Every structure is written in structure tokens, then in C-alpha cells.
């Protein structure tokens, strides 16, 4: 990380009761266009920064964890502000508690993390136009093919430290 790195990066909910800090850049950033994310967020997509849970520090407040169904059938845990109910991150069953999917829009500077890839574009809203050259897949992707080497190494370490 260079001296001018934007990390750590802080964020929080709408009312300010929850504040958190991402201490490092994320592993990868998904812009998910699946219908499940559309329904859950009430928007056209969800923008999530995947990062190791121990690299997201709660600075203020205590998020309320809400268990919700997911398209996979395995569910997810959404961490929300107990006051304004804004979702600040999720933990999906596939990654368990070891990886948080931080909602990029809750960062103080959400412009900091554009998507690395657009996923489930087969169900994106037809009026959403992806930028020229954007990485996009119709469903999901092969992690080994898409993630940068440093993120793959962090994932390898994480999986060794937190076997499923």
C-alpha cells in the first residue's frame, strides 16, 4: 500500500449510529444484477466489496444481524443499523463469517470502489447500460480466473485459517 492509499476507509449507516473502518482494500468488488439483489435492495443491483471480516472494524454502535433467505437457499446474514435499518454488510453462507460483503454505498467515499466485475447480467434491468470494457458475466465466474494474484493469496490464507 502506498503512502497515498485511500485505506483505511471509513463508512457507516444513514443515521450515524453505526460507523466502521475497512483497514485494507477489498479482495474483489461485485456489482450483482441478480433479481434477488434487486428485490433485497429495492434497486437495480447491489455493489459489494468482499473483504476479510477481521479487516472491518466496528468503530461505533453494534449492527443488528438479520438472517434472510437467499437465492442459493443457504441464506445470508445482513448486518443492519438497529436504528435506521441500513444494511452495512452481509455474510453469505458460501463464505461464512470470515468474509464480509461491505455495501460500497455505505462508505464515506463510495466512489473509492468501482466494481471489478458485473455478475448475473442475464437478469440486469434492460435500461442499465454497462460501461464499455466493463468485465461482466451472465451468471457467476471462476474466482481463479478473475481475481488478482494478491487477492487469491489472501483467499488461500483465509481458507487455511478458516476451513469450512
Protein backbone atom coordinates (compact mmCIF):
# COMPACT_ATOMS: atom_id res chain seq x y z
CA UNK A 1 0.00 0.00 0.00
CA UNK A 2 1.42 3.37 -0.99
CA UNK A 3 1.56 6.42 1.25
CA UNK A 4 -1.35 7.98 -0.68
CA UNK A 5 -3.56 4.88 -0.37
CA UNK A 6 -7.19 5.65 0.48
CA UNK A 7 -7.16 2.89 3.09
CA UNK A 8 -8.20 2.65 5.79
CA UNK A 9 -11.62 3.76 4.56
CA UNK A 10 -14.50 4.58 6.90
CA UNK A 11 -18.21 4.19 6.44
CA UNK A 12 -21.49 3.88 8.25
CA UNK A 13 -25.25 3.88 8.15
CA UNK A 14 -27.53 6.79 7.26
CA UNK A 15 -28.22 7.96 10.82
CA UNK A 16 -24.62 7.64 12.02
CA UNK A 17 -25.30 5.12 14.79
CA UNK A 18 -23.04 2.56 13.06
CA UNK A 19 -19.53 3.50 11.99
CA UNK A 20 -16.94 1.07 10.64
CA UNK A 21 -13.47 1.04 9.08
CA UNK A 22 -12.15 -1.14 6.25
CA UNK A 23 -8.47 -1.40 7.07
CA UNK A 24 -7.35 -2.69 3.66
CA UNK A 25 -8.59 -2.78 0.08
CA UNK A 26 -11.17 -5.48 -0.58
CA UNK A 27 -10.48 -8.83 -2.17
CA UNK A 28 -12.86 -8.07 -5.03
CA UNK A 29 -15.88 -5.86 -5.76
CA UNK A 30 -19.07 -7.34 -7.24
CA UNK A 31 -21.84 -5.44 -8.92
CA UNK A 32 -24.60 -8.03 -8.72
CA UNK A 33 -27.56 -7.67 -11.05
CA UNK A 34 -29.48 -10.79 -9.91
CA UNK A 35 -33.18 -10.44 -9.25
CA UNK A 36 -32.65 -11.46 -5.63
CA UNK A 37 -30.32 -8.50 -5.00
CA UNK A 38 -32.73 -6.23 -6.86
CA UNK A 39 -35.58 -7.28 -4.57
CA UNK A 40 -33.50 -7.17 -1.41
CA UNK A 41 -32.08 -3.69 -2.04
CA UNK A 42 -35.02 -2.17 -3.87
CA UNK A 43 -32.52 -1.06 -6.51
CA UNK A 44 -31.22 -2.33 -9.83
CA UNK A 45 -28.14 -4.00 -8.36
CA UNK A 46 -26.05 -4.45 -5.23
CA UNK A 47 -22.45 -3.24 -5.05
CA UNK A 48 -20.48 -5.30 -2.54
CA UNK A 49 -16.80 -5.15 -1.56
CA UNK A 50 -15.64 -8.55 -0.35
CA UNK A 51 -13.15 -8.25 2.50
CA UNK A 52 -11.92 -10.41 5.34
CA UNK A 53 -14.15 -9.87 8.39
CA UNK A 54 -11.20 -9.08 10.65
CA UNK A 55 -10.34 -6.18 8.32
CA UNK A 56 -13.68 -4.49 9.01
CA UNK A 57 -13.63 -2.86 12.42
CA UNK A 58 -16.77 -1.54 14.08
CA UNK A 59 -15.92 1.92 15.42
CA UNK A 60 -19.32 2.82 16.84
CA UNK A 61 -22.57 1.04 17.55
CA UNK A 62 -23.48 -2.59 17.19
CA UNK A 63 -25.03 -3.82 13.94
CA UNK A 64 -28.13 -5.97 14.21
CA UNK A 65 -27.72 -9.24 12.30
CA UNK A 66 -30.82 -10.24 10.34
CA UNK A 67 -30.98 -13.73 8.85
CA UNK A 68 -32.60 -13.59 5.43
CA UNK A 69 -33.25 -16.12 2.67
CA UNK A 70 -31.08 -16.14 -0.44
CA UNK A 71 -31.38 -17.47 -3.96
CA UNK A 72 -28.95 -20.29 -3.11
CA UNK A 73 -31.29 -21.49 -0.37
CA UNK A 74 -28.46 -21.24 2.16
CA UNK A 75 -29.38 -17.78 3.42
CA UNK A 76 -27.34 -14.78 4.38
CA UNK A 77 -26.84 -12.63 7.43
CA UNK A 78 -27.32 -8.92 6.81
CA UNK A 79 -25.79 -6.55 9.35
CA UNK A 80 -28.04 -3.52 9.70
CA UNK A 81 -28.20 -0.44 11.85
CA UNK A 82 -30.76 -1.14 14.59
CA UNK A 83 -31.98 2.46 14.35
CA UNK A 84 -32.21 3.34 10.61
CA UNK A 85 -32.03 -0.27 9.33
CA UNK A 86 -29.48 0.48 6.60
CA UNK A 87 -27.54 -2.65 5.58
CA UNK A 88 -23.79 -2.08 6.06
CA UNK A 89 -22.59 -5.58 5.10
CA UNK A 90 -23.66 -9.17 4.60
CA UNK A 91 -22.18 -12.56 5.30
CA UNK A 92 -23.23 -15.17 2.75
CA UNK A 93 -23.33 -18.86 3.63
CA UNK A 94 -20.73 -19.74 0.99
CA UNK A 95 -18.05 -17.52 2.55
CA UNK A 96 -19.31 -17.83 6.12
CA UNK A 97 -18.44 -15.35 8.83
CA UNK A 98 -14.87 -14.96 7.55
CA UNK A 99 -15.78 -12.61 4.66
CA UNK A 100 -17.94 -9.52 4.79
CA UNK A 101 -19.65 -8.15 1.72
CA UNK A 102 -19.49 -4.46 2.58
CA UNK A 103 -22.13 -2.32 0.89
CA UNK A 104 -19.99 0.14 -1.07
CA UNK A 105 -22.68 2.80 -0.85
CA UNK A 106 -22.18 2.97 2.93
CA UNK A 107 -18.55 4.11 2.59
CA UNK A 108 -17.93 7.79 3.27
CA UNK A 109 -16.37 7.83 -0.21
CA UNK A 110 -18.36 5.29 -2.24
CA UNK A 111 -16.53 6.38 -5.42
CA UNK A 112 -13.46 4.65 -3.98
CA UNK A 113 -14.55 1.15 -5.05
CA UNK A 114 -15.96 0.74 -8.55
CA UNK A 115 -16.94 -2.81 -9.49
CA UNK A 116 -14.25 -5.25 -10.56
CA UNK A 117 -16.93 -7.30 -12.29
CA UNK A 118 -20.65 -7.23 -13.05
CA UNK A 119 -22.31 -10.54 -12.22
CA UNK A 120 -25.69 -12.06 -13.11
CA UNK A 121 -26.05 -9.67 -16.02
CA UNK A 122 -28.51 -12.09 -17.60
CA UNK A 123 -31.09 -10.62 -15.21
CA UNK A 124 -29.95 -7.00 -15.12
CA UNK A 125 -32.50 -4.31 -15.80
CA UNK A 126 -32.53 -3.75 -19.58
CA UNK A 127 -32.02 0.00 -19.21
CA UNK A 128 -28.83 -0.45 -17.16
CA UNK A 129 -26.01 0.07 -19.65
CA UNK A 130 -22.60 -1.22 -18.60
CA UNK A 131 -19.57 0.93 -19.43
CA UNK A 132 -17.54 -0.09 -22.49
CA UNK A 133 -14.87 -2.59 -21.48
CA UNK A 134 -16.52 -3.47 -18.15
CA UNK A 135 -15.87 -7.02 -17.00
CA UNK A 136 -19.21 -8.78 -16.99
CA UNK A 137 -20.57 -12.33 -16.84
CA UNK A 138 -24.09 -13.60 -17.38
CA UNK A 139 -24.13 -15.57 -14.10
CA UNK A 140 -21.10 -16.11 -11.82
CA UNK A 141 -17.40 -16.56 -12.66
CA UNK A 142 -14.33 -18.63 -11.87
CA UNK A 143 -12.53 -16.95 -8.98
CA UNK A 144 -9.13 -18.28 -10.05
CA UNK A 145 -9.56 -16.66 -13.46
CA UNK A 146 -10.89 -13.26 -12.37
CA UNK A 147 -9.31 -12.29 -9.05
CA UNK A 148 -5.90 -10.60 -8.95
CA UNK A 149 -2.99 -12.67 -7.58
CA UNK A 150 -2.77 -10.77 -4.27
CA UNK A 151 -6.47 -11.42 -3.58
CA UNK A 152 -6.09 -15.09 -4.45
CA UNK A 153 -3.24 -15.32 -1.94
CA UNK A 154 -5.32 -13.60 0.74
CA UNK A 155 -8.14 -16.06 -0.02
CA UNK A 156 -5.76 -19.01 0.26
CA UNK A 157 -4.59 -17.78 3.68
CA UNK A 158 -8.15 -17.14 4.79
CA UNK A 159 -9.32 -20.58 3.77
CA UNK A 160 -6.39 -22.14 5.62
CA UNK A 161 -7.20 -20.13 8.73
CA UNK A 162 -10.97 -20.68 8.50
CA UNK A 163 -11.65 -24.04 6.88
CA UNK A 164 -15.30 -24.75 6.04
